[in-house]
Amino acid sequence: MPFLELTLRCTEATQPRYENALEDVGALAVTMLDADADTSNERAILEPGVGQTPLWNELVLTALFPAETNALALLAALEAFDAGLDWSSAGFRAVEDEDWERAWLDQFQPMRFGQRTWIVPWNHELPEAAQAADAAVVRLDPGLAFGSGTHPTTALCLRWLDQLSAEGELQGRTVLDFGCGSGILALAALKLGAAAAVGVDNDPQALTATADNGERNGVHIAAWLPQDEPAATYPVVVANILASALDALADLLAARVAPGGRIALSGILHGQEGELLERYAPWFEQLEAVQDGDWMRITGVRRA
């Protein structure tokens, strides 16, 4: 059947109230997108885990209702449910019947990073190039692992891991994925030849997603909450979080990298890299910043 679609903007703080109201008046589905997507204000919500709700500072909410729903009556019901919310910006349009889940999944296509690394949604056949014997293929559920598409910060890290593998710096090594989310970077490292991977995240649901994705890809990732992570050093560390967290965690992350080991830091907006380069300089040499659109990646080698 066709549907009536309601769309409006809201803030992270008011999102739960809007969503509760929409569901109470009979919304068939409610989806959320970053209102600042594809702008310099875009905020990285990276590979949400099972059960996570990715939230941004400003959101666009979209709700579907049966086609016969009267828009004016619907607005009246929403205002009656929560008079403190502003529904004046709500827009409506009729949308044709289609397989919504199929349409959502079909937005996501296999993606290649570097020479060998492929991220392929479960619902897609492997591209011919990804069937090569040396291809490193990670299969992910786009509904959980992709969000609105693999973010440039993730792409920067995937290309770095691919490059390390090409240089022979990944094979047989153990990789720490700090802020692992769904485990996409740990998975890629293992597919590229790492001997083992450890994931750390402060969200228990992310650990569940990482373990589940590892099992579905035929590999094992030891995933820990920060307070439970066994003290260790690693020859390869990747931290795809945000600049403020990279600054606050500099001592901890530096301590995780073995002498001569490699680190990659991502989740950094262009313009934030200068302070972080200075912050990590006491521990790392060969520091380099690489840009992808509005986002940066910093890499370095741990001083002996």
C-alpha atoms as a PDB file:
ATOM      1  CA  MET A   1       0.000   0.000   0.000  1.00  0.00           C
ATOM      2  CA  PRO A   2       1.094   3.642  -0.420  1.00  0.00           C
ATOM      3  CA  PHE A   3       1.968   5.754   2.593  1.00  0.00           C
ATOM      4  CA  LEU A   4       1.727   9.245   4.027  1.00  0.00           C
ATOM      5  CA  GLU A   5       5.201  10.464   5.000  1.00  0.00           C
ATOM      6  CA  LEU A   6       5.784  13.076   7.711  1.00  0.00           C
ATOM      7  CA  THR A   7       9.180  14.787   7.928  1.00  0.00           C
ATOM      8  CA  LEU A   8      10.464  17.308  10.467  1.00  0.00           C
ATOM      9  CA  ARG A   9      13.678  18.566  12.048  1.00  0.00           C
ATOM     10  CA  CYS A  10      14.411  18.297  15.751  1.00  0.00           C
ATOM     11  CA  THR A  11      17.291  18.322  18.226  1.00  0.00           C
ATOM     12  CA  GLU A  12      18.941  15.406  19.978  1.00  0.00           C
ATOM     13  CA  ALA A  13      17.337  16.537  23.262  1.00  0.00           C
ATOM     14  CA  THR A  14      13.784  16.549  21.880  1.00  0.00           C
ATOM     15  CA  GLN A  15      14.083  13.477  19.650  1.00  0.00           C
ATOM     16  CA  PRO A  16      12.697  10.975  22.216  1.00  0.00           C
ATOM     17  CA  ARG A  17       9.582  13.116  22.767  1.00  0.00           C
ATOM     18  CA  TYR A  18       8.928  13.478  19.051  1.00  0.00           C
ATOM     19  CA  GLU A  19       9.457   9.776  18.454  1.00  0.00           C
ATOM     20  CA  ASN A  20       7.149   8.824  21.350  1.00  0.00           C
ATOM     21  CA  ALA A  21       4.426  11.085  19.987  1.00  0.00           C
ATOM     22  CA  LEU A  22       4.740   9.719  16.457  1.00  0.00           C
ATOM     23  CA  GLU A  23       4.593   6.137  17.655  1.00  0.00           C
ATOM     24  CA  ASP A  24       1.640   6.881  19.952  1.00  0.00           C
ATOM     25  CA  VAL A  25      -0.476   8.204  17.076  1.00  0.00           C
ATOM     26  CA  GLY A  26       0.246   5.172  14.929  1.00  0.00           C
ATOM     27  CA  ALA A  27       3.462   5.672  12.961  1.00  0.00           C
ATOM     28  CA  LEU A  28       4.352   2.497  11.098  1.00  0.00           C
ATOM     29  CA  ALA A  29       8.058   3.374  11.128  1.00  0.00           C
ATOM     30  CA  VAL A  30      10.259   6.216  12.368  1.00  0.00           C
ATOM     31  CA  THR A  31      13.730   6.803  10.950  1.00  0.00           C
ATOM     32  CA  MET A  32      16.455   9.315  11.859  1.00  0.00           C
ATOM     33  CA  LEU A  33      19.114  11.014   9.748  1.00  0.00           C
ATOM     34  CA  ASP A  34      21.791  13.613  10.430  1.00  0.00           C
ATOM     35  CA  ALA A  35      20.329  17.013   9.524  1.00  0.00           C
ATOM     36  CA  ASP A  36      23.855  18.246   8.753  1.00  0.00           C
ATOM     37  CA  ALA A  37      24.893  15.303   6.574  1.00  0.00           C
ATOM     38  CA  ASP A  38      27.260  16.216   3.759  1.00  0.00           C
ATOM     39  CA  THR A  39      28.115  19.569   5.338  1.00  0.00           C
ATOM     40  CA  SER A  40      31.101  20.759   7.369  1.00  0.00           C
ATOM     41  CA  ASN A  41      28.945  20.327  10.487  1.00  0.00           C
ATOM     42  CA  GLU A  42      28.440  16.604   9.868  1.00  0.00           C
ATOM     43  CA  ARG A  43      29.076  14.603  13.025  1.00  0.00           C
ATOM     44  CA  ALA A  44      30.561  11.149  12.729  1.00  0.00           C
ATOM     45  CA  ILE A  45      28.366   8.417  14.182  1.00  0.00           C
ATOM     46  CA  LEU A  46      30.456   5.472  13.237  1.00  0.00           C
ATOM     47  CA  GLU A  47      29.061   2.015  12.625  1.00  0.00           C
ATOM     48  CA  PRO A  48      26.446   1.818  15.382  1.00  0.00           C
ATOM     49  CA  GLY A  49      26.219  -1.507  17.132  1.00  0.00           C
ATOM     50  CA  VAL A  50      23.263  -3.771  17.767  1.00  0.00           C
ATOM     51  CA  GLY A  51      20.457  -1.875  19.466  1.00  0.00           C
ATOM     52  CA  GLN A  52      22.238   1.478  19.327  1.00  0.00           C
ATOM     53  CA  THR A  53      20.393   4.612  18.216  1.00  0.00           C
ATOM     54  CA  PRO A  54      22.774   6.917  16.358  1.00  0.00           C
ATOM     55  CA  LEU A  55      21.962  10.507  17.355  1.00  0.00           C
ATOM     56  CA  TRP A  56      23.235  13.798  16.063  1.00  0.00           C
ATOM     57  CA  ASN A  57      22.867  17.326  17.397  1.00  0.00           C
ATOM     58  CA  GLU A  58      20.252  18.110  14.744  1.00  0.00           C
ATOM     59  CA  LEU A  59      18.137  15.353  13.219  1.00  0.00           C
ATOM     60  CA  VAL A  60      15.604  14.819  10.485  1.00  0.00           C
ATOM     61  CA  LEU A  61      12.811  12.490  11.619  1.00  0.00           C
ATOM     62  CA  THR A  62      10.725  10.677   9.015  1.00  0.00           C
ATOM     63  CA  ALA A  63       7.576   8.775   9.944  1.00  0.00           C
ATOM     64  CA  LEU A  64       5.334   6.631   7.745  1.00  0.00           C
ATOM     65  CA  PHE A  65       1.572   6.396   8.183  1.00  0.00           C
ATOM     66  CA  PRO A  66      -1.152   4.596   6.203  1.00  0.00           C
ATOM     67  CA  ALA A  67      -2.023   6.490   3.029  1.00  0.00           C
ATOM     68  CA  GLU A  68      -5.575   7.221   4.168  1.00  0.00           C
ATOM     69  CA  THR A  69      -4.326   9.159   7.231  1.00  0.00           C
ATOM     70  CA  ASN A  70      -5.610  12.733   7.330  1.00  0.00           C
ATOM     71  CA  ALA A  71      -2.633  15.060   7.766  1.00  0.00           C
ATOM     72  CA  LEU A  72      -4.561  17.770   9.656  1.00  0.00           C
ATOM     73  CA  ALA A  73      -6.134  15.258  12.013  1.00  0.00           C
ATOM     74  CA  LEU A  74      -2.712  13.700  12.533  1.00  0.00           C
ATOM     75  CA  LEU A  75      -1.188  17.067  13.487  1.00  0.00           C
ATOM     76  CA  ALA A  76      -4.037  17.672  15.918  1.00  0.00           C
ATOM     77  CA  ALA A  77      -3.423  14.305  17.548  1.00  0.00           C
ATOM     78  CA  LEU A  78       0.306  14.977  17.818  1.00  0.00           C
ATOM     79  CA  GLU A  79      -0.246  18.397  19.394  1.00  0.00           C
ATOM     80  CA  ALA A  80      -2.702  16.868  21.843  1.00  0.00           C
ATOM     81  CA  PHE A  81      -0.207  14.154  22.808  1.00  0.00           C
ATOM     82  CA  ASP A  82       2.585  16.626  23.613  1.00  0.00           C
ATOM     83  CA  ALA A  83       1.589  20.286  23.488  1.00  0.00           C
ATOM     84  CA  GLY A  84       5.146  21.335  24.323  1.00  0.00           C
ATOM     85  CA  LEU A  85       6.508  20.231  20.946  1.00  0.00           C
ATOM     86  CA  ASP A  86       6.546  22.407  17.825  1.00  0.00           C
ATOM     87  CA  TRP A  87       4.910  20.618  14.908  1.00  0.00           C
ATOM     88  CA  SER A  88       4.672  23.688  12.659  1.00  0.00           C
ATOM     89  CA  SER A  89       7.646  22.621  10.522  1.00  0.00           C
ATOM     90  CA  ALA A  90       6.233  19.184   9.732  1.00  0.00           C
ATOM     91  CA  GLY A  91       5.950  18.430   6.044  1.00  0.00           C
ATOM     92  CA  PHE A  92       3.832  15.764   4.370  1.00  0.00           C
ATOM     93  CA  ARG A  93       3.983  13.895   1.081  1.00  0.00           C
ATOM     94  CA  ALA A  94       2.429  10.796  -0.427  1.00  0.00           C
ATOM     95  CA  VAL A  95       4.908   8.026  -1.227  1.00  0.00           C
ATOM     96  CA  GLU A  96       4.268   5.048  -3.440  1.00  0.00           C
ATOM     97  CA  ASP A  97       4.172   1.465  -2.316  1.00  0.00           C
ATOM     98  CA  GLU A  98       7.474  -0.378  -2.459  1.00  0.00           C
ATOM     99  CA  ASP A  99       9.553  -2.826  -0.479  1.00  0.00           C
ATOM    100  CA  TRP A 100      10.970  -0.333   2.058  1.00  0.00           C
ATOM    101  CA  GLU A 101      13.456  -2.704   3.630  1.00  0.00           C
ATOM    102  CA  ARG A 102      14.720  -3.721   0.213  1.00  0.00           C
ATOM    103  CA  ALA A 103      15.005  -0.089  -0.881  1.00  0.00           C
ATOM    104  CA  TRP A 104      16.906   0.791   2.301  1.00  0.00           C
ATOM    105  CA  LEU A 105      19.369  -2.073   1.908  1.00  0.00           C
ATOM    106  CA  ASP A 106      19.831  -1.437  -1.819  1.00  0.00           C
ATOM    107  CA  GLN A 107      21.222   2.029  -1.062  1.00  0.00           C
ATOM    108  CA  PHE A 108      24.421   0.369   0.099  1.00  0.00           C
ATOM    109  CA  GLN A 109      26.860  -0.959  -2.438  1.00  0.00           C
ATOM    110  CA  PRO A 110      30.129  -2.879  -2.053  1.00  0.00           C
ATOM    111  CA  MET A 111      33.005  -0.490  -1.417  1.00  0.00           C
ATOM    112  CA  ARG A 112      36.720  -0.876  -2.038  1.00  0.00           C
ATOM    113  CA  PHE A 113      39.422   0.719   0.093  1.00  0.00           C
ATOM    114  CA  GLY A 114      43.010   0.642  -1.067  1.00  0.00           C
ATOM    115  CA  GLN A 115      44.210  -2.348  -3.068  1.00  0.00           C
ATOM    116  CA  ARG A 116      42.556  -5.338  -1.402  1.00  0.00           C
ATOM    117  CA  THR A 117      39.992  -4.251   1.196  1.00  0.00           C
ATOM    118  CA  TRP A 118      36.285  -4.650   0.432  1.00  0.00           C
ATOM    119  CA  ILE A 119      33.279  -3.875   2.635  1.00  0.00           C
ATOM    120  CA  VAL A 120      30.312  -5.742   1.202  1.00  0.00           C
ATOM    121  CA  PRO A 121      26.738  -5.721   2.570  1.00  0.00           C
ATOM    122  CA  TRP A 122      25.287  -9.145   3.248  1.00  0.00           C
ATOM    123  CA  ASN A 123      22.527  -8.583   0.718  1.00  0.00           C
ATOM    124  CA  HIS A 124      24.947  -8.090  -2.204  1.00  0.00           C
ATOM    125  CA  GLU A 125      26.807 -10.542  -4.365  1.00  0.00           C
ATOM    126  CA  LEU A 126      30.577 -10.170  -4.308  1.00  0.00           C
ATOM    127  CA  PRO A 127      31.843  -7.964  -7.125  1.00  0.00           C
ATOM    128  CA  GLU A 128      34.166  -9.751  -9.518  1.00  0.00           C
ATOM    129  CA  ALA A 129      37.200  -7.841  -8.216  1.00  0.00           C
ATOM    130  CA  ALA A 130      36.320  -8.864  -4.648  1.00  0.00           C
ATOM    131  CA  GLN A 131      36.461 -12.534  -5.668  1.00  0.00           C
ATOM    132  CA  ALA A 132      40.218 -12.376  -6.215  1.00  0.00           C
ATOM    133  CA  ALA A 133      42.217 -14.787  -4.092  1.00  0.00           C
ATOM    134  CA  ASP A 134      43.980 -11.973  -2.201  1.00  0.00           C
ATOM    135  CA  ALA A 135      40.870  -9.835  -1.615  1.00  0.00           C
ATOM    136  CA  ALA A 136      40.157  -8.951   2.032  1.00  0.00           C
ATOM    137  CA  VAL A 137      36.364  -9.019   2.240  1.00  0.00           C
ATOM    138  CA  VAL A 138      34.371  -7.915   5.263  1.00  0.00           C
ATOM    139  CA  ARG A 139      30.647  -8.674   5.204  1.00  0.00           C
ATOM    140  CA  LEU A 140      28.429  -6.363   7.250  1.00  0.00           C
ATOM    141  CA  ASP A 141      24.729  -5.785   7.826  1.00  0.00           C
ATOM    142  CA  PRO A 142      24.145  -2.304   6.363  1.00  0.00           C
ATOM    143  CA  GLY A 143      21.243  -1.711   8.712  1.00  0.00           C
ATOM    144  CA  LEU A 144      23.619  -1.902  11.657  1.00  0.00           C
ATOM    145  CA  ALA A 145      27.094  -1.306  10.409  1.00  0.00           C
ATOM    146  CA  PHE A 146      26.791   1.340   7.744  1.00  0.00           C
ATOM    147  CA  GLY A 147      24.502   3.974   9.226  1.00  0.00           C
ATOM    148  CA  SER A 148      24.163   6.491   6.388  1.00  0.00           C
ATOM    149  CA  GLY A 149      27.220   5.054   4.615  1.00  0.00           C
ATOM    150  CA  THR A 150      30.802   4.363   5.602  1.00  0.00           C
ATOM    151  CA  HIS A 151      32.115   7.673   6.870  1.00  0.00           C
ATOM    152  CA  PRO A 152      35.354   9.257   5.535  1.00  0.00           C
ATOM    153  CA  THR A 153      36.947   8.740   8.950  1.00  0.00           C
ATOM    154  CA  THR A 154      36.387   5.005   8.631  1.00  0.00           C
ATOM    155  CA  ALA A 155      37.522   5.027   5.009  1.00  0.00           C
ATOM    156  CA  LEU A 156      40.775   6.746   6.021  1.00  0.00           C
ATOM    157  CA  CYS A 157      41.480   3.997   8.555  1.00  0.00           C
ATOM    158  CA  LEU A 158      40.580   1.203   6.152  1.00  0.00           C
ATOM    159  CA  ARG A 159      42.963   2.581   3.541  1.00  0.00           C
ATOM    160  CA  TRP A 160      45.698   2.855   6.190  1.00  0.00           C
ATOM    161  CA  LEU A 161      45.263  -0.773   7.211  1.00  0.00           C
ATOM    162  CA  ASP A 162      45.293  -1.803   3.552  1.00  0.00           C
ATOM    163  CA  GLN A 163      48.545   0.111   3.070  1.00  0.00           C
ATOM    164  CA  LEU A 164      50.112  -1.471   6.164  1.00  0.00           C
ATOM    165  CA  SER A 165      49.246  -4.880   4.772  1.00  0.00           C
ATOM    166  CA  ALA A 166      50.790  -4.030   1.405  1.00  0.00           C
ATOM    167  CA  GLU A 167      53.983  -2.984   3.213  1.00  0.00           C
ATOM    168  CA  GLY A 168      54.083  -6.208   5.222  1.00  0.00           C
ATOM    169  CA  GLU A 169      53.529  -4.333   8.501  1.00  0.00           C
ATOM    170  CA  LEU A 170      50.268  -6.061   9.429  1.00  0.00           C
ATOM    171  CA  GLN A 171      50.856  -9.761   8.806  1.00  0.00           C
ATOM    172  CA  GLY A 172      51.146 -11.773  11.991  1.00  0.00           C
ATOM    173  CA  ARG A 173      50.554  -8.724  14.201  1.00  0.00           C
ATOM    174  CA  THR A 174      47.921  -8.021  16.855  1.00  0.00           C
ATOM    175  CA  VAL A 175      45.757  -4.954  16.230  1.00  0.00           C
ATOM    176  CA  LEU A 176      43.928  -2.839  18.804  1.00  0.00           C
ATOM    177  CA  ASP A 177      40.743  -1.190  17.520  1.00  0.00           C
ATOM    178  CA  PHE A 178      39.986   1.451  20.171  1.00  0.00           C
ATOM    179  CA  GLY A 179      36.393   2.646  19.874  1.00  0.00           C
ATOM    180  CA  CYS A 180      35.537  -0.399  17.802  1.00  0.00           C
ATOM    181  CA  GLY A 181      31.801   0.208  17.254  1.00  0.00           C
ATOM    182  CA  SER A 182      30.710  -2.696  15.060  1.00  0.00           C
ATOM    183  CA  GLY A 183      34.318  -3.900  14.713  1.00  0.00           C
ATOM    184  CA  ILE A 184      34.740  -2.948  11.069  1.00  0.00           C
ATOM    185  CA  LEU A 185      38.413  -1.972  11.446  1.00  0.00           C
ATOM    186  CA  ALA A 186      39.324  -5.023  13.516  1.00  0.00           C
ATOM    187  CA  LEU A 187      37.573  -7.216  10.956  1.00  0.00           C
ATOM    188  CA  ALA A 188      39.430  -5.589   8.082  1.00  0.00           C
ATOM    189  CA  ALA A 189      42.770  -6.005   9.892  1.00  0.00           C
ATOM    190  CA  LEU A 190      42.158  -9.722  10.381  1.00  0.00           C
ATOM    191  CA  LYS A 191      41.106 -10.189   6.767  1.00  0.00           C
ATOM    192  CA  LEU A 192      44.268  -8.331   5.715  1.00  0.00           C
ATOM    193  CA  GLY A 193      46.517 -10.739   7.595  1.00  0.00           C
ATOM    194  CA  ALA A 194      46.656  -9.638  11.229  1.00  0.00           C
ATOM    195  CA  ALA A 195      47.085 -12.579  13.595  1.00  0.00           C
ATOM    196  CA  ALA A 196      44.666 -11.239  16.210  1.00  0.00           C
ATOM    197  CA  ALA A 197      42.480  -8.242  16.950  1.00  0.00           C
ATOM    198  CA  VAL A 198      41.239  -6.642  20.152  1.00  0.00           C
ATOM    199  CA  GLY A 199      38.303  -4.241  20.271  1.00  0.00           C
ATOM    200  CA  VAL A 200      37.606  -1.698  23.008  1.00  0.00           C
ATOM    201  CA  ASP A 201      34.426   0.346  23.319  1.00  0.00           C
ATOM    202  CA  ASN A 202      32.548   1.993  26.180  1.00  0.00           C
ATOM    203  CA  ASP A 203      29.177   0.744  24.892  1.00  0.00           C
ATOM    204  CA  PRO A 204      28.379  -2.889  25.800  1.00  0.00           C
ATOM    205  CA  GLN A 205      26.132  -3.114  22.729  1.00  0.00           C
ATOM    206  CA  ALA A 206      29.110  -2.274  20.525  1.00  0.00           C
ATOM    207  CA  LEU A 207      30.969  -5.223  22.011  1.00  0.00           C
ATOM    208  CA  THR A 208      28.011  -7.453  21.181  1.00  0.00           C
ATOM    209  CA  ALA A 209      27.981  -6.139  17.609  1.00  0.00           C
ATOM    210  CA  THR A 210      31.736  -6.646  17.256  1.00  0.00           C
ATOM    211  CA  ALA A 211      31.589 -10.229  18.499  1.00  0.00           C
ATOM    212  CA  ASP A 212      28.581 -10.994  16.302  1.00  0.00           C
ATOM    213  CA  ASN A 213      30.180  -9.510  13.187  1.00  0.00           C
ATOM    214  CA  GLY A 214      33.364 -11.424  13.911  1.00  0.00           C
ATOM    215  CA  GLU A 215      31.459 -14.695  14.135  1.00  0.00           C
ATOM    216  CA  ARG A 216      29.574 -13.980  10.913  1.00  0.00           C
ATOM    217  CA  ASN A 217      32.887 -13.290   9.160  1.00  0.00           C
ATOM    218  CA  GLY A 218      34.532 -16.413  10.533  1.00  0.00           C
ATOM    219  CA  VAL A 219      37.030 -14.612  12.786  1.00  0.00           C
ATOM    220  CA  HIS A 220      37.359 -13.886  16.499  1.00  0.00           C
ATOM    221  CA  ILE A 221      37.724 -10.424  18.044  1.00  0.00           C
ATOM    222  CA  ALA A 222      38.358 -10.120  21.783  1.00  0.00           C
ATOM    223  CA  ALA A 223      36.150  -7.166  22.760  1.00  0.00           C
ATOM    224  CA  TRP A 224      36.370  -5.302  26.072  1.00  0.00           C
ATOM    225  CA  LEU A 225      34.968  -2.357  27.950  1.00  0.00           C
ATOM    226  CA  PRO A 226      37.782   0.144  28.697  1.00  0.00           C
ATOM    227  CA  GLN A 227      37.858  -0.726  32.389  1.00  0.00           C
ATOM    228  CA  ASP A 228      38.079  -4.453  31.637  1.00  0.00           C
ATOM    229  CA  GLU A 229      40.713  -4.374  28.892  1.00  0.00           C
ATOM    230  CA  PRO A 230      43.822  -6.327  29.947  1.00  0.00           C
ATOM    231  CA  ALA A 231      46.863  -4.065  30.102  1.00  0.00           C
ATOM    232  CA  ALA A 232      48.925  -4.694  26.961  1.00  0.00           C
ATOM    233  CA  THR A 233      50.860  -3.037  24.184  1.00  0.00           C
ATOM    234  CA  TYR A 234      50.201  -3.586  20.500  1.00  0.00           C
ATOM    235  CA  PRO A 235      52.258  -3.219  17.334  1.00  0.00           C
ATOM    236  CA  VAL A 236      49.264  -1.648  15.553  1.00  0.00           C
ATOM    237  CA  VAL A 237      46.642   0.631  17.138  1.00  0.00           C
ATOM    238  CA  VAL A 238      43.787   2.404  15.388  1.00  0.00           C
ATOM    239  CA  ALA A 239      41.450   4.822  17.187  1.00  0.00           C
ATOM    240  CA  ASN A 240      38.558   6.113  15.107  1.00  0.00           C
ATOM    241  CA  ILE A 241      36.775   8.321  17.621  1.00  0.00           C
ATOM    242  CA  LEU A 242      36.503  12.121  17.871  1.00  0.00           C
ATOM    243  CA  ALA A 243      39.193  14.768  18.295  1.00  0.00           C
ATOM    244  CA  SER A 244      38.154  15.664  21.844  1.00  0.00           C
ATOM    245  CA  ALA A 245      38.416  12.019  22.904  1.00  0.00           C
ATOM    246  CA  LEU A 246      41.745  11.581  21.120  1.00  0.00           C
ATOM    247  CA  ASP A 247      43.072  14.548  23.077  1.00  0.00           C
ATOM    248  CA  ALA A 248      41.764  13.278  26.425  1.00  0.00           C
ATOM    249  CA  LEU A 249      43.011   9.727  25.804  1.00  0.00           C
ATOM    250  CA  ALA A 250      46.453  10.599  24.401  1.00  0.00           C
ATOM    251  CA  ASP A 251      48.379   9.179  27.375  1.00  0.00           C
ATOM    252  CA  LEU A 252      46.355   5.973  27.368  1.00  0.00           C
ATOM    253  CA  LEU A 253      46.591   5.426  23.613  1.00  0.00           C
ATOM    254  CA  ALA A 254      50.314   6.150  23.551  1.00  0.00           C
ATOM    255  CA  ALA A 255      50.801   3.580  26.315  1.00  0.00           C
ATOM    256  CA  ARG A 256      48.995   0.968  24.194  1.00  0.00           C
ATOM    257  CA  VAL A 257      51.462   1.233  21.295  1.00  0.00           C
ATOM    258  CA  ALA A 258      54.599  -0.911  21.497  1.00  0.00           C
ATOM    259  CA  PRO A 259      57.959   0.754  20.730  1.00  0.00           C
ATOM    260  CA  GLY A 260      58.253   1.001  16.968  1.00  0.00           C
ATOM    261  CA  GLY A 261      54.545   0.309  16.626  1.00  0.00           C
ATOM    262  CA  ARG A 262      52.141   2.158  14.359  1.00  0.00           C
ATOM    263  CA  ILE A 263      49.117   4.271  15.308  1.00  0.00           C
ATOM    264  CA  ALA A 264      46.288   5.797  13.294  1.00  0.00           C
ATOM    265  CA  LEU A 265      43.976   8.429  14.766  1.00  0.00           C
ATOM    266  CA  SER A 266      40.768   9.438  13.008  1.00  0.00           C
ATOM    267  CA  GLY A 267      37.479  11.222  13.638  1.00  0.00           C
ATOM    268  CA  ILE A 268      39.297  14.555  13.285  1.00  0.00           C
ATOM    269  CA  LEU A 269      37.786  17.509  11.459  1.00  0.00           C
ATOM    270  CA  HIS A 270      40.063  19.528   9.203  1.00  0.00           C
ATOM    271  CA  GLY A 271      41.539  22.266  11.373  1.00  0.00           C
ATOM    272  CA  GLN A 272      41.744  20.106  14.497  1.00  0.00           C
ATOM    273  CA  GLU A 273      44.805  18.161  13.390  1.00  0.00           C
ATOM    274  CA  GLY A 274      47.390  20.767  14.405  1.00  0.00           C
ATOM    275  CA  GLU A 275      46.714  20.522  18.127  1.00  0.00           C
ATOM    276  CA  LEU A 276      46.610  16.736  17.996  1.00  0.00           C
ATOM    277  CA  LEU A 277      49.909  16.545  16.129  1.00  0.00           C
ATOM    278  CA  GLU A 278      51.473  18.564  18.962  1.00  0.00           C
ATOM    279  CA  ARG A 279      49.672  16.459  21.582  1.00  0.00           C
ATOM    280  CA  TYR A 280      51.084  13.164  20.264  1.00  0.00           C
ATOM    281  CA  ALA A 281      54.543  14.439  19.322  1.00  0.00           C
ATOM    282  CA  PRO A 282      56.175  13.482  22.681  1.00  0.00           C
ATOM    283  CA  TRP A 283      55.503   9.799  21.986  1.00  0.00           C
ATOM    284  CA  PHE A 284      55.448   9.487  18.201  1.00  0.00           C
ATOM    285  CA  GLU A 285      57.674  10.311  15.256  1.00  0.00           C
ATOM    286  CA  GLN A 286      56.971  10.346  11.526  1.00  0.00           C
ATOM    287  CA  LEU A 287      53.649  12.009  12.337  1.00  0.00           C
ATOM    288  CA  GLU A 288      51.585  12.684   9.231  1.00  0.00           C
ATOM    289  CA  ALA A 289      48.111  14.088   8.622  1.00  0.00           C
ATOM    290  CA  VAL A 290      46.059  12.970   5.598  1.00  0.00           C
ATOM    291  CA  GLN A 291      42.792  14.598   4.507  1.00  0.00           C
ATOM    292  CA  ASP A 292      39.580  13.161   3.044  1.00  0.00           C
ATOM    293  CA  GLY A 293      37.026  15.900   2.487  1.00  0.00           C
ATOM    294  CA  ASP A 294      36.435  17.642   5.811  1.00  0.00           C
ATOM    295  CA  TRP A 295      38.087  14.862   7.804  1.00  0.00           C
ATOM    296  CA  MET A 296      41.658  14.033   8.777  1.00  0.00           C
ATOM    297  CA  ARG A 297      43.708  11.012   9.792  1.00  0.00           C
ATOM    298  CA  ILE A 298      46.942  11.218  11.769  1.00  0.00           C
ATOM    299  CA  THR A 299      49.494   8.397  11.713  1.00  0.00           C
ATOM    300  CA  GLY A 300      52.799   7.950  13.501  1.00  0.00           C
ATOM    301  CA  VAL A 301      55.419   5.536  14.779  1.00  0.00           C
ATOM    302  CA  ARG A 302      56.003   5.035  18.522  1.00  0.00           C
ATOM    303  CA  ARG A 303      59.398   6.243  19.669  1.00  0.00           C
ATOM    304  CA  ALA A 304      61.708   3.566  21.024  1.00  0.00           C
END
